[in-house]
Amino acid sequence: MCINGLCQKVGCDLRIGSDLTVDSCGVCGGDDTTCSGAGPAYYYWSVVQAAACSRPCGGGVRRPELKCRNRVTEEEVKHELCKVETKPRVVDEACNTQPCVAR
């Protein structure tokens, strides 16, 4: 936060000069222990579509990537924190299916 040209940090507790940050459980100043059990209350699976195709021509695939995210902060966290039972099945997508041109 900057006031009259003087900038100071502000923590998640909204106090000037504070170093507090939000932990992976979404707790300001927490130590990542309050949500030690995996579950949908805190974490969810996110499917990220791959941008790159595996081949420039002749048939390639795009493989989506799964990420486990914190519901509060939207930050990526360890896969172990998301429930396996809710893990979506990812399906490769065909791309660059045009034939390769000989040079």
C-alpha atoms as a PDB file:
ATOM      1  CA  MET A   1       0.000   0.000   0.000  1.00  0.00           C
ATOM      2  CA  CYS A   2       1.354   3.432  -0.864  1.00  0.00           C
ATOM      3  CA  ILE A   3       0.298   6.677   0.826  1.00  0.00           C
ATOM      4  CA  ASN A   4       1.889   9.996  -0.163  1.00  0.00           C
ATOM      5  CA  GLY A   5       4.721   8.156  -1.927  1.00  0.00           C
ATOM      6  CA  LEU A   6       5.552   5.971   1.109  1.00  0.00           C
ATOM      7  CA  CYS A   7       4.956   2.300   0.345  1.00  0.00           C
ATOM      8  CA  GLN A   8       4.555  -0.345   3.033  1.00  0.00           C
ATOM      9  CA  LYS A   9       3.542  -3.975   2.905  1.00  0.00           C
ATOM     10  CA  VAL A  10       0.133  -5.048   4.140  1.00  0.00           C
ATOM     11  CA  GLY A  11      -0.540  -8.590   5.334  1.00  0.00           C
ATOM     12  CA  CYS A  12      -3.679 -10.650   4.903  1.00  0.00           C
ATOM     13  CA  ASP A  13      -4.755  -9.297   8.303  1.00  0.00           C
ATOM     14  CA  LEU A  14      -4.922  -5.877   6.582  1.00  0.00           C
ATOM     15  CA  ARG A  15      -2.361  -4.395   8.984  1.00  0.00           C
ATOM     16  CA  ILE A  16       0.347  -2.132   7.626  1.00  0.00           C
ATOM     17  CA  GLY A  17       3.786  -3.696   8.075  1.00  0.00           C
ATOM     18  CA  SER A  18       2.371  -7.190   8.615  1.00  0.00           C
ATOM     19  CA  ASP A  19       4.051 -10.225   7.006  1.00  0.00           C
ATOM     20  CA  LEU A  20       1.036 -12.504   7.422  1.00  0.00           C
ATOM     21  CA  THR A  21      -0.019 -14.482   4.360  1.00  0.00           C
ATOM     22  CA  VAL A  22      -2.878 -16.855   3.608  1.00  0.00           C
ATOM     23  CA  ASP A  23      -1.839 -20.509   3.952  1.00  0.00           C
ATOM     24  CA  SER A  24      -2.969 -23.334   1.664  1.00  0.00           C
ATOM     25  CA  CYS A  25      -6.057 -23.824   3.860  1.00  0.00           C
ATOM     26  CA  GLY A  26      -7.152 -20.245   3.257  1.00  0.00           C
ATOM     27  CA  VAL A  27      -6.301 -19.177   6.815  1.00  0.00           C
ATOM     28  CA  CYS A  28      -4.622 -15.806   7.309  1.00  0.00           C
ATOM     29  CA  GLY A  29      -1.442 -16.465   9.264  1.00  0.00           C
ATOM     30  CA  GLY A  30      -2.146 -20.204   9.261  1.00  0.00           C
ATOM     31  CA  ASP A  31       0.452 -22.961   9.109  1.00  0.00           C
ATOM     32  CA  ASP A  32      -1.268 -25.331   6.647  1.00  0.00           C
ATOM     33  CA  THR A  33      -2.442 -27.642   9.438  1.00  0.00           C
ATOM     34  CA  THR A  34      -6.088 -26.671   9.881  1.00  0.00           C
ATOM     35  CA  CYS A  35      -7.169 -28.464   6.720  1.00  0.00           C
ATOM     36  CA  SER A  36      -4.952 -31.529   6.916  1.00  0.00           C
ATOM     37  CA  GLY A  37      -7.760 -33.774   5.700  1.00  0.00           C
ATOM     38  CA  ALA A  38      -8.276 -33.722   1.975  1.00  0.00           C
ATOM     39  CA  GLY A  39     -11.718 -32.842   0.864  1.00  0.00           C
ATOM     40  CA  PRO A  40     -14.006 -30.817  -1.324  1.00  0.00           C
ATOM     41  CA  ALA A  41     -14.451 -28.167   1.358  1.00  0.00           C
ATOM     42  CA  TYR A  42     -10.947 -26.857   0.723  1.00  0.00           C
ATOM     43  CA  TYR A  43      -9.637 -28.276  -2.540  1.00  0.00           C
ATOM     44  CA  TYR A  44     -10.883 -29.122  -6.012  1.00  0.00           C
ATOM     45  CA  TRP A  45      -9.540 -30.547  -9.257  1.00  0.00           C
ATOM     46  CA  SER A  46      -9.011 -28.180 -12.175  1.00  0.00           C
ATOM     47  CA  VAL A  47      -8.488 -29.341 -15.766  1.00  0.00           C
ATOM     48  CA  VAL A  48      -6.075 -27.151 -17.708  1.00  0.00           C
ATOM     49  CA  GLN A  49      -6.139 -27.613 -21.452  1.00  0.00           C
ATOM     50  CA  ALA A  50      -2.705 -28.080 -22.984  1.00  0.00           C
ATOM     51  CA  ALA A  51      -1.729 -25.373 -25.433  1.00  0.00           C
ATOM     52  CA  ALA A  52       0.914 -27.307 -27.355  1.00  0.00           C
ATOM     53  CA  CYS A  53       0.301 -30.222 -29.667  1.00  0.00           C
ATOM     54  CA  SER A  54       2.726 -33.150 -29.486  1.00  0.00           C
ATOM     55  CA  ARG A  55       3.356 -33.037 -33.270  1.00  0.00           C
ATOM     56  CA  PRO A  56       3.313 -30.249 -35.869  1.00  0.00           C
ATOM     57  CA  CYS A  57       1.532 -32.477 -38.416  1.00  0.00           C
ATOM     58  CA  GLY A  58       0.529 -36.066 -39.052  1.00  0.00           C
ATOM     59  CA  GLY A  59      -1.629 -36.379 -35.974  1.00  0.00           C
ATOM     60  CA  GLY A  60      -0.636 -35.328 -32.523  1.00  0.00           C
ATOM     61  CA  VAL A  61      -2.339 -35.088 -29.171  1.00  0.00           C
ATOM     62  CA  ARG A  62      -2.979 -32.425 -26.588  1.00  0.00           C
ATOM     63  CA  ARG A  63      -2.983 -33.857 -23.094  1.00  0.00           C
ATOM     64  CA  PRO A  64      -4.935 -31.835 -20.529  1.00  0.00           C
ATOM     65  CA  GLU A  65      -3.250 -31.335 -17.174  1.00  0.00           C
ATOM     66  CA  LEU A  66      -4.916 -31.845 -13.806  1.00  0.00           C
ATOM     67  CA  LYS A  67      -4.204 -29.422 -10.999  1.00  0.00           C
ATOM     68  CA  CYS A  68      -5.380 -29.477  -7.417  1.00  0.00           C
ATOM     69  CA  ARG A  69      -6.411 -25.998  -6.267  1.00  0.00           C
ATOM     70  CA  ASN A  70      -7.317 -24.277  -3.023  1.00  0.00           C
ATOM     71  CA  ARG A  71     -10.945 -23.078  -3.168  1.00  0.00           C
ATOM     72  CA  VAL A  72     -10.182 -19.856  -1.308  1.00  0.00           C
ATOM     73  CA  THR A  73      -6.918 -18.713  -2.881  1.00  0.00           C
ATOM     74  CA  GLU A  74      -7.222 -20.546  -6.243  1.00  0.00           C
ATOM     75  CA  GLU A  75      -3.528 -21.429  -5.851  1.00  0.00           C
ATOM     76  CA  GLU A  76      -2.206 -24.783  -7.029  1.00  0.00           C
ATOM     77  CA  VAL A  77      -1.480 -27.189  -4.147  1.00  0.00           C
ATOM     78  CA  LYS A  78      -0.178 -30.760  -3.818  1.00  0.00           C
ATOM     79  CA  HIS A  79      -2.299 -33.393  -5.593  1.00  0.00           C
ATOM     80  CA  GLU A  80      -2.529 -35.347  -2.333  1.00  0.00           C
ATOM     81  CA  LEU A  81      -4.846 -32.668  -0.923  1.00  0.00           C
ATOM     82  CA  CYS A  82      -7.585 -33.333  -3.497  1.00  0.00           C
ATOM     83  CA  LYS A  83      -9.821 -36.367  -3.174  1.00  0.00           C
ATOM     84  CA  VAL A  84      -8.979 -39.204  -5.562  1.00  0.00           C
ATOM     85  CA  GLU A  85     -12.683 -40.088  -5.819  1.00  0.00           C
ATOM     86  CA  THR A  86     -13.470 -36.712  -7.380  1.00  0.00           C
ATOM     87  CA  LYS A  87     -10.513 -36.694  -9.777  1.00  0.00           C
ATOM     88  CA  PRO A  88     -11.850 -36.147 -13.298  1.00  0.00           C
ATOM     89  CA  ARG A  89     -10.834 -38.401 -16.147  1.00  0.00           C
ATOM     90  CA  VAL A  90      -8.836 -36.500 -18.724  1.00  0.00           C
ATOM     91  CA  VAL A  91      -9.101 -37.337 -22.404  1.00  0.00           C
ATOM     92  CA  ASP A  92      -6.406 -36.564 -24.936  1.00  0.00           C
ATOM     93  CA  GLU A  93      -7.521 -34.346 -27.798  1.00  0.00           C
ATOM     94  CA  ALA A  94      -6.413 -34.961 -31.385  1.00  0.00           C
ATOM     95  CA  CYS A  95      -4.606 -32.041 -33.010  1.00  0.00           C
ATOM     96  CA  ASN A  96      -2.626 -31.180 -36.135  1.00  0.00           C
ATOM     97  CA  THR A  97      -4.239 -34.066 -37.990  1.00  0.00           C
ATOM     98  CA  GLN A  98      -3.294 -32.707 -41.414  1.00  0.00           C
ATOM     99  CA  PRO A  99      -0.698 -34.779 -43.302  1.00  0.00           C
ATOM    100  CA  CYS A 100       2.920 -33.717 -43.160  1.00  0.00           C
ATOM    101  CA  VAL A 101       4.167 -32.191 -46.413  1.00  0.00           C
ATOM    102  CA  ALA A 102       7.426 -33.590 -47.799  1.00  0.00           C
ATOM    103  CA  ARG A 103      10.094 -30.954 -48.423  1.00  0.00           C
END
